[in-house]
Amino acid sequence: ARPAAKETKVEGSIAIPMMYQGNLFGTLGVAKPVPYDFTEEEVAELMTIGEAMCPHIE
């Protein structure tokens, strides 16, 4: 990791693709200061949130 990234002290993170009308719109990143494995349920919920955000930021 780059030095500036190490300063954030992020240990657990995930990047979720934000899909809109079948196309990749961007990514939604979530980070935690401790090591963390996101559950399948959390991933599904984050994907739903990402999809819901797209029309509002297009």
C-alpha atoms as a PDB file:
ATOM      1  CA  ALA A   1       0.000   0.000   0.000  1.00  0.00           C
ATOM      2  CA  ARG A   2       1.063   3.565  -0.539  1.00  0.00           C
ATOM      3  CA  PRO A   3       2.297   5.443   2.540  1.00  0.00           C
ATOM      4  CA  ALA A   4      -0.784   7.695   2.630  1.00  0.00           C
ATOM      5  CA  ALA A   5      -3.044   4.645   2.488  1.00  0.00           C
ATOM      6  CA  LYS A   6      -1.253   3.107   5.465  1.00  0.00           C
ATOM      7  CA  GLU A   7      -1.934   6.250   7.496  1.00  0.00           C
ATOM      8  CA  THR A   8      -5.692   5.641   7.265  1.00  0.00           C
ATOM      9  CA  LYS A   9      -5.322   2.545   9.472  1.00  0.00           C
ATOM     10  CA  VAL A  10      -7.914   0.691   7.365  1.00  0.00           C
ATOM     11  CA  GLU A  11      -7.742  -3.039   8.052  1.00  0.00           C
ATOM     12  CA  GLY A  12     -10.980  -4.346   6.537  1.00  0.00           C
ATOM     13  CA  SER A  13     -12.508  -3.019   3.336  1.00  0.00           C
ATOM     14  CA  ILE A  14     -14.730  -3.885   0.418  1.00  0.00           C
ATOM     15  CA  ALA A  15     -15.486  -2.273  -2.947  1.00  0.00           C
ATOM     16  CA  ILE A  16     -18.929  -2.942  -4.386  1.00  0.00           C
ATOM     17  CA  PRO A  17     -19.698  -2.386  -8.094  1.00  0.00           C
ATOM     18  CA  MET A  18     -22.486   0.144  -8.601  1.00  0.00           C
ATOM     19  CA  MET A  19     -24.527  -1.114 -11.545  1.00  0.00           C
ATOM     20  CA  TYR A  20     -27.060   1.094 -13.325  1.00  0.00           C
ATOM     21  CA  GLN A  21     -29.170  -0.064 -16.268  1.00  0.00           C
ATOM     22  CA  GLY A  22     -26.823  -3.001 -16.774  1.00  0.00           C
ATOM     23  CA  ASN A  23     -23.672  -0.866 -16.862  1.00  0.00           C
ATOM     24  CA  LEU A  24     -20.943  -0.254 -14.329  1.00  0.00           C
ATOM     25  CA  PHE A  25     -21.513   3.227 -12.916  1.00  0.00           C
ATOM     26  CA  GLY A  26     -18.820   3.282 -10.244  1.00  0.00           C
ATOM     27  CA  THR A  27     -17.874   1.638  -6.975  1.00  0.00           C
ATOM     28  CA  LEU A  28     -19.005   1.962  -3.388  1.00  0.00           C
ATOM     29  CA  GLY A  29     -16.233   1.515  -0.843  1.00  0.00           C
ATOM     30  CA  VAL A  30     -16.677   0.642   2.810  1.00  0.00           C
ATOM     31  CA  ALA A  31     -13.773   0.465   5.259  1.00  0.00           C
ATOM     32  CA  LYS A  32     -13.265  -0.574   8.865  1.00  0.00           C
ATOM     33  CA  PRO A  33     -10.346   0.126  11.224  1.00  0.00           C
ATOM     34  CA  VAL A  34     -10.138  -3.569  12.195  1.00  0.00           C
ATOM     35  CA  PRO A  35      -9.694  -6.750  10.134  1.00  0.00           C
ATOM     36  CA  TYR A  36     -13.138  -7.739   8.906  1.00  0.00           C
ATOM     37  CA  ASP A  37     -14.707 -10.272   6.554  1.00  0.00           C
ATOM     38  CA  PHE A  38     -18.000  -8.971   5.194  1.00  0.00           C
ATOM     39  CA  THR A  39     -20.822 -11.519   5.276  1.00  0.00           C
ATOM     40  CA  GLU A  40     -22.808 -12.506   2.195  1.00  0.00           C
ATOM     41  CA  GLU A  41     -25.777 -10.653   3.663  1.00  0.00           C
ATOM     42  CA  GLU A  42     -23.736  -7.471   4.119  1.00  0.00           C
ATOM     43  CA  VAL A  43     -22.424  -7.701   0.560  1.00  0.00           C
ATOM     44  CA  ALA A  44     -25.960  -8.156  -0.789  1.00  0.00           C
ATOM     45  CA  GLU A  45     -27.206  -5.184   1.232  1.00  0.00           C
ATOM     46  CA  LEU A  46     -24.323  -2.983   0.062  1.00  0.00           C
ATOM     47  CA  MET A  47     -25.028  -3.942  -3.561  1.00  0.00           C
ATOM     48  CA  THR A  48     -28.677  -2.947  -3.082  1.00  0.00           C
ATOM     49  CA  ILE A  49     -27.576   0.379  -1.594  1.00  0.00           C
ATOM     50  CA  GLY A  50     -25.146   0.968  -4.473  1.00  0.00           C
ATOM     51  CA  GLU A  51     -27.829   0.294  -7.076  1.00  0.00           C
ATOM     52  CA  ALA A  52     -30.279   2.585  -5.290  1.00  0.00           C
ATOM     53  CA  MET A  53     -27.754   5.443  -5.212  1.00  0.00           C
ATOM     54  CA  CYS A  54     -26.962   5.490  -8.946  1.00  0.00           C
ATOM     55  CA  PRO A  55     -30.049   7.342 -10.235  1.00  0.00           C
ATOM     56  CA  HIS A  56     -29.487  10.062  -7.647  1.00  0.00           C
ATOM     57  CA  ILE A  57     -25.880  10.795  -8.627  1.00  0.00           C
ATOM     58  CA  GLU A  58     -26.012  10.242 -12.398  1.00  0.00           C
END
